[in-house]
Amino acid sequence: MKSKAKRRNEGPEERRGTNARARTRRNADARRRALVAAAVRVIAAHGVGAATVARISAEAGVSRGLISHYFAGKDDLLRATYRQLTDELAAETARIARARGETAQAKLRAAVEAAFQPPVFAADKIAVWLAFWAEARYRPSLGALNRELYRGYRATIARLMAEAARERGAMLDAHRAAVALTALIDGLWLEWTLDREAFSRTEALGTSLDFLDRLLAAPHPQNHERPHVP
């Protein structure tokens, strides 16, 4: 990236070239986002197996060749779509956390809230998450990406669990707590997708926050008063 001083010393032709390259990058990013958004709609409606290049390009209103221009193939587009979902969850978690405070417990609550409100918690997005989980078992590239993304997510939750336990003077196994909270959220997503009348979004959020509070409520033995021995 050029420094500001170098850009000031550029001539008109160089500046035009720099601006043109920047516009090209922005246009390419916008195209990629539009194709990922089309893939989300197609997968939500038809599943991963039926999300062909022809169907996605038709949904996006572009030629099939344009997908090949921006992605190495269907698998590359699918991986980009899965990453986009996880990036959206991370961004929403960070946004909520900024408003909730700097403690680890506040950040954990933000992670739970992000999982149960738009834009993450939407029928089409949850359907796509579930479709990717199912496909990851049979498609090695998606399976590897799923392990990478989920291991990273659980590691972050485990770190926050350990910090929150210290803040609260609680005792817990941070790794097991992270696995349990993640599994609860995923399970509620699955159940809600299969039967949306079983419980509301608000009930799912409340259930997850209650579970988090119970995890962090167990006092550390050092915080117990020793019984008086006469």
Protein backbone atom coordinates (compact mmCIF):
# COMPACT_ATOMS: atom_id res chain seq x y z
CA MET A 1 0.00 0.00 0.00
CA LYS A 2 1.40 3.40 -0.91
CA SER A 3 2.06 5.95 1.83
CA LYS A 4 0.19 9.27 1.86
CA ALA A 5 3.42 11.09 1.02
CA LYS A 6 3.97 8.95 -2.08
CA ARG A 7 0.37 9.45 -3.18
CA ARG A 8 0.79 13.22 -2.88
CA ASN A 9 3.80 13.01 -5.19
CA GLU A 10 1.92 11.04 -7.86
CA GLY A 11 1.11 12.74 -11.10
CA PRO A 12 -2.43 12.92 -12.53
CA GLU A 13 -1.96 9.80 -14.63
CA GLU A 14 -0.67 7.76 -11.68
CA ARG A 15 -3.54 8.95 -9.46
CA ARG A 16 -6.06 7.97 -12.12
CA GLY A 17 -4.45 4.55 -12.33
CA THR A 18 -4.49 4.13 -8.55
CA ASN A 19 -8.13 5.18 -8.34
CA ALA A 20 -9.07 2.82 -11.18
CA ARG A 21 -7.42 -0.13 -9.42
CA ALA A 22 -9.20 0.74 -6.18
CA ARG A 23 -12.56 0.84 -8.01
CA THR A 24 -11.78 -2.50 -9.63
CA ARG A 25 -11.08 -4.06 -6.23
CA ARG A 26 -14.29 -2.62 -4.79
CA ASN A 27 -16.27 -3.87 -7.76
CA ALA A 28 -14.72 -7.33 -7.44
CA ASP A 29 -15.54 -7.47 -3.73
CA ALA A 30 -19.12 -6.39 -4.46
CA ARG A 31 -19.45 -9.07 -7.13
CA ARG A 32 -18.15 -11.75 -4.78
CA ARG A 33 -20.56 -10.65 -2.04
CA ALA A 34 -23.46 -10.72 -4.50
CA LEU A 35 -22.56 -14.26 -5.59
CA VAL A 36 -22.26 -15.41 -1.97
CA ALA A 37 -25.66 -13.86 -1.20
CA ALA A 38 -27.14 -15.71 -4.17
CA ALA A 39 -25.58 -18.96 -2.93
CA VAL A 40 -27.18 -18.42 0.49
CA ARG A 41 -30.63 -18.03 -1.10
CA VAL A 42 -30.20 -21.08 -3.30
CA ILE A 43 -28.88 -23.30 -0.48
CA ALA A 44 -31.65 -22.15 1.86
CA ALA A 45 -34.26 -23.09 -0.73
CA HIS A 46 -32.76 -26.22 -2.29
CA GLY A 47 -29.85 -27.50 -0.17
CA VAL A 48 -26.15 -27.72 -0.92
CA GLY A 49 -26.44 -30.62 -3.36
CA ALA A 50 -28.84 -28.69 -5.59
CA ALA A 51 -26.81 -25.48 -5.41
CA THR A 52 -25.30 -25.83 -8.87
CA VAL A 53 -23.26 -23.15 -10.58
CA ALA A 54 -26.08 -22.74 -13.10
CA ARG A 55 -28.70 -22.24 -10.38
CA ILE A 56 -26.55 -19.81 -8.35
CA SER A 57 -25.63 -17.75 -11.41
CA ALA A 58 -29.30 -17.59 -12.43
CA GLU A 59 -30.24 -16.46 -8.90
CA ALA A 60 -27.55 -13.76 -9.07
CA GLY A 61 -28.60 -12.74 -12.59
CA VAL A 62 -25.14 -13.27 -14.06
CA SER A 63 -23.50 -15.65 -16.49
CA ARG A 64 -22.03 -18.94 -15.29
CA GLY A 65 -18.62 -17.73 -16.42
CA LEU A 66 -18.67 -14.91 -13.88
CA ILE A 67 -18.61 -17.41 -11.00
CA SER A 68 -15.55 -19.05 -12.53
CA HIS A 69 -13.96 -15.60 -12.80
CA TYR A 70 -14.29 -14.86 -9.07
CA PHE A 71 -14.13 -18.38 -7.60
CA ALA A 72 -12.04 -21.43 -8.41
CA GLY A 73 -15.22 -23.53 -8.64
CA LYS A 74 -18.35 -24.49 -6.76
CA ASP A 75 -16.42 -25.76 -3.72
CA ASP A 76 -14.55 -22.46 -3.49
CA LEU A 77 -17.85 -20.55 -3.59
CA LEU A 78 -19.35 -22.84 -0.94
CA ARG A 79 -16.36 -22.31 1.35
CA ALA A 80 -16.62 -18.54 0.85
CA THR A 81 -20.31 -18.71 1.71
CA TYR A 82 -19.66 -20.68 4.91
CA ARG A 83 -16.92 -18.23 5.90
CA GLN A 84 -19.28 -15.34 5.27
CA LEU A 85 -21.79 -16.81 7.72
CA THR A 86 -19.15 -17.19 10.43
CA ASP A 87 -17.75 -13.71 9.74
CA GLU A 88 -21.26 -12.30 10.11
CA LEU A 89 -21.68 -14.05 13.46
CA ALA A 90 -18.29 -12.74 14.66
CA ALA A 91 -19.09 -9.18 13.53
CA GLU A 92 -22.49 -9.19 15.22
CA THR A 93 -20.97 -10.59 18.42
CA ALA A 94 -18.33 -7.84 18.41
CA ARG A 95 -20.97 -5.17 17.79
CA ILE A 96 -23.10 -6.32 20.73
CA ALA A 97 -20.05 -6.77 22.97
CA ARG A 98 -19.02 -3.14 22.44
CA ALA A 99 -22.38 -2.07 23.86
CA ARG A 100 -22.39 -4.57 26.74
CA GLY A 101 -19.02 -3.90 28.34
CA GLU A 102 -15.48 -5.22 28.50
CA THR A 103 -15.87 -8.10 30.96
CA ALA A 104 -15.56 -11.67 29.74
CA GLN A 105 -19.07 -12.42 30.98
CA ALA A 106 -20.46 -9.51 28.94
CA LYS A 107 -18.66 -10.84 25.86
CA LEU A 108 -20.08 -14.33 26.43
CA ARG A 109 -23.59 -12.92 26.75
CA ALA A 110 -22.97 -10.97 23.53
CA ALA A 111 -22.01 -14.18 21.75
CA VAL A 112 -25.26 -15.81 22.87
CA GLU A 113 -27.36 -12.77 21.94
CA ALA A 114 -25.77 -12.60 18.49
CA ALA A 115 -26.75 -16.22 17.83
CA PHE A 116 -30.42 -15.48 18.44
CA GLN A 117 -31.10 -12.20 16.69
CA PRO A 118 -30.96 -10.94 13.09
CA PRO A 119 -29.02 -10.90 10.90
CA VAL A 120 -27.62 -14.22 12.17
CA PHE A 121 -30.87 -15.70 13.46
CA ALA A 122 -32.98 -15.73 10.30
CA ALA A 123 -34.78 -18.67 8.73
CA ASP A 124 -32.71 -18.68 5.54
CA LYS A 125 -29.38 -18.24 7.33
CA ILE A 126 -30.06 -21.00 9.87
CA ALA A 127 -31.18 -23.31 7.07
CA VAL A 128 -27.86 -22.73 5.33
CA TRP A 129 -25.87 -23.39 8.51
CA LEU A 130 -27.67 -26.72 8.90
CA ALA A 131 -27.18 -27.60 5.25
CA PHE A 132 -23.44 -27.02 5.58
CA TRP A 133 -23.26 -29.17 8.72
CA ALA A 134 -24.94 -32.04 6.90
CA GLU A 135 -22.76 -31.65 3.80
CA ALA A 136 -19.52 -31.34 5.80
CA ARG A 137 -19.72 -35.04 6.61
CA TYR A 138 -19.49 -36.02 2.95
CA ARG A 139 -17.54 -33.18 1.34
CA PRO A 140 -13.92 -33.14 2.64
CA SER A 141 -13.29 -29.48 1.81
CA LEU A 142 -16.33 -28.38 3.78
CA GLY A 143 -15.55 -30.82 6.58
CA ALA A 144 -12.07 -29.35 6.99
CA LEU A 145 -13.43 -25.81 6.97
CA ASN A 146 -16.14 -26.71 9.48
CA ARG A 147 -13.55 -28.15 11.87
CA GLU A 148 -11.35 -25.07 11.45
CA LEU A 149 -14.16 -22.60 12.08
CA TYR A 150 -15.77 -24.46 14.97
CA ARG A 151 -12.49 -25.17 16.72
CA GLY A 152 -11.65 -21.49 16.53
CA TYR A 153 -15.09 -20.50 17.83
CA ARG A 154 -14.98 -22.99 20.72
CA ALA A 155 -11.45 -21.89 21.63
CA THR A 156 -12.63 -18.28 21.86
CA ILE A 157 -15.63 -19.27 24.00
CA ALA A 158 -13.39 -21.43 26.22
CA ARG A 159 -10.97 -18.53 26.77
CA LEU A 160 -13.85 -16.24 27.71
CA MET A 161 -15.29 -18.93 29.99
CA ALA A 162 -12.00 -19.17 31.87
CA GLU A 163 -11.77 -15.38 32.19
CA ALA A 164 -15.41 -15.08 33.28
CA ALA A 165 -14.94 -17.82 35.88
CA ARG A 166 -12.04 -15.87 37.35
CA GLU A 167 -14.14 -12.70 37.36
CA ARG A 168 -16.97 -14.48 39.17
CA GLY A 169 -14.81 -16.57 41.47
CA ALA A 170 -16.40 -19.64 39.92
CA MET A 171 -14.95 -23.06 39.18
CA LEU A 172 -15.53 -24.76 35.84
CA ASP A 173 -13.82 -26.69 33.08
CA ALA A 174 -13.65 -23.96 30.42
CA HIS A 175 -13.32 -26.38 27.50
CA ARG A 176 -16.28 -28.50 28.54
CA ALA A 177 -18.33 -25.39 29.25
CA ALA A 178 -17.57 -24.05 25.76
CA VAL A 179 -18.55 -27.37 24.16
CA ALA A 180 -21.80 -27.43 26.14
CA LEU A 181 -22.81 -23.86 25.32
CA THR A 182 -21.98 -24.25 21.63
CA ALA A 183 -23.91 -27.53 21.46
CA LEU A 184 -26.93 -25.94 23.17
CA ILE A 185 -27.03 -23.08 20.67
CA ASP A 186 -26.62 -25.43 17.70
CA GLY A 187 -29.30 -27.74 19.07
CA LEU A 188 -31.77 -24.89 19.52
CA TRP A 189 -31.08 -23.74 15.96
CA LEU A 190 -31.79 -27.27 14.70
CA GLU A 191 -34.97 -27.71 16.74
CA TRP A 192 -36.30 -24.28 15.73
CA THR A 193 -35.67 -25.02 12.05
CA LEU A 194 -37.58 -28.30 12.30
CA ASP A 195 -40.48 -26.87 14.33
CA ARG A 196 -40.72 -23.09 14.64
CA GLU A 197 -43.78 -23.38 16.86
CA ALA A 198 -41.90 -25.35 19.52
CA PHE A 199 -40.40 -22.21 21.05
CA SER A 200 -39.76 -18.59 20.18
CA ARG A 201 -36.51 -16.82 19.49
CA THR A 202 -36.87 -15.04 22.84
CA GLU A 203 -37.31 -18.36 24.65
CA ALA A 204 -34.23 -19.82 22.94
CA LEU A 205 -32.19 -16.77 23.91
CA GLY A 206 -33.43 -16.89 27.50
CA THR A 207 -32.69 -20.60 27.77
CA SER A 208 -29.11 -20.08 26.55
CA LEU A 209 -28.46 -17.11 28.83
CA ASP A 210 -29.87 -19.01 31.82
CA PHE A 211 -27.56 -21.92 31.01
CA LEU A 212 -24.58 -19.57 30.76
CA ASP A 213 -25.43 -18.00 34.12
CA ARG A 214 -25.67 -21.44 35.75
CA LEU A 215 -22.30 -22.44 34.33
CA LEU A 216 -20.71 -19.39 35.92
CA ALA A 217 -22.57 -19.67 39.22
CA ALA A 218 -20.61 -22.56 40.74
CA PRO A 219 -18.43 -20.99 43.44
CA HIS A 220 -14.77 -21.83 43.71
CA PRO A 221 -13.93 -23.88 46.83
CA GLN A 222 -11.58 -21.13 48.01
CA ASN A 223 -14.56 -18.79 48.21
CA HIS A 224 -16.42 -21.07 50.65
CA GLU A 225 -16.05 -20.27 54.31
CA ARG A 226 -14.40 -23.08 56.22
CA PRO A 227 -16.80 -24.70 58.66
CA HIS A 228 -16.14 -23.82 62.28
CA VAL A 229 -14.57 -26.73 64.11
CA PRO A 230 -14.83 -26.38 67.93
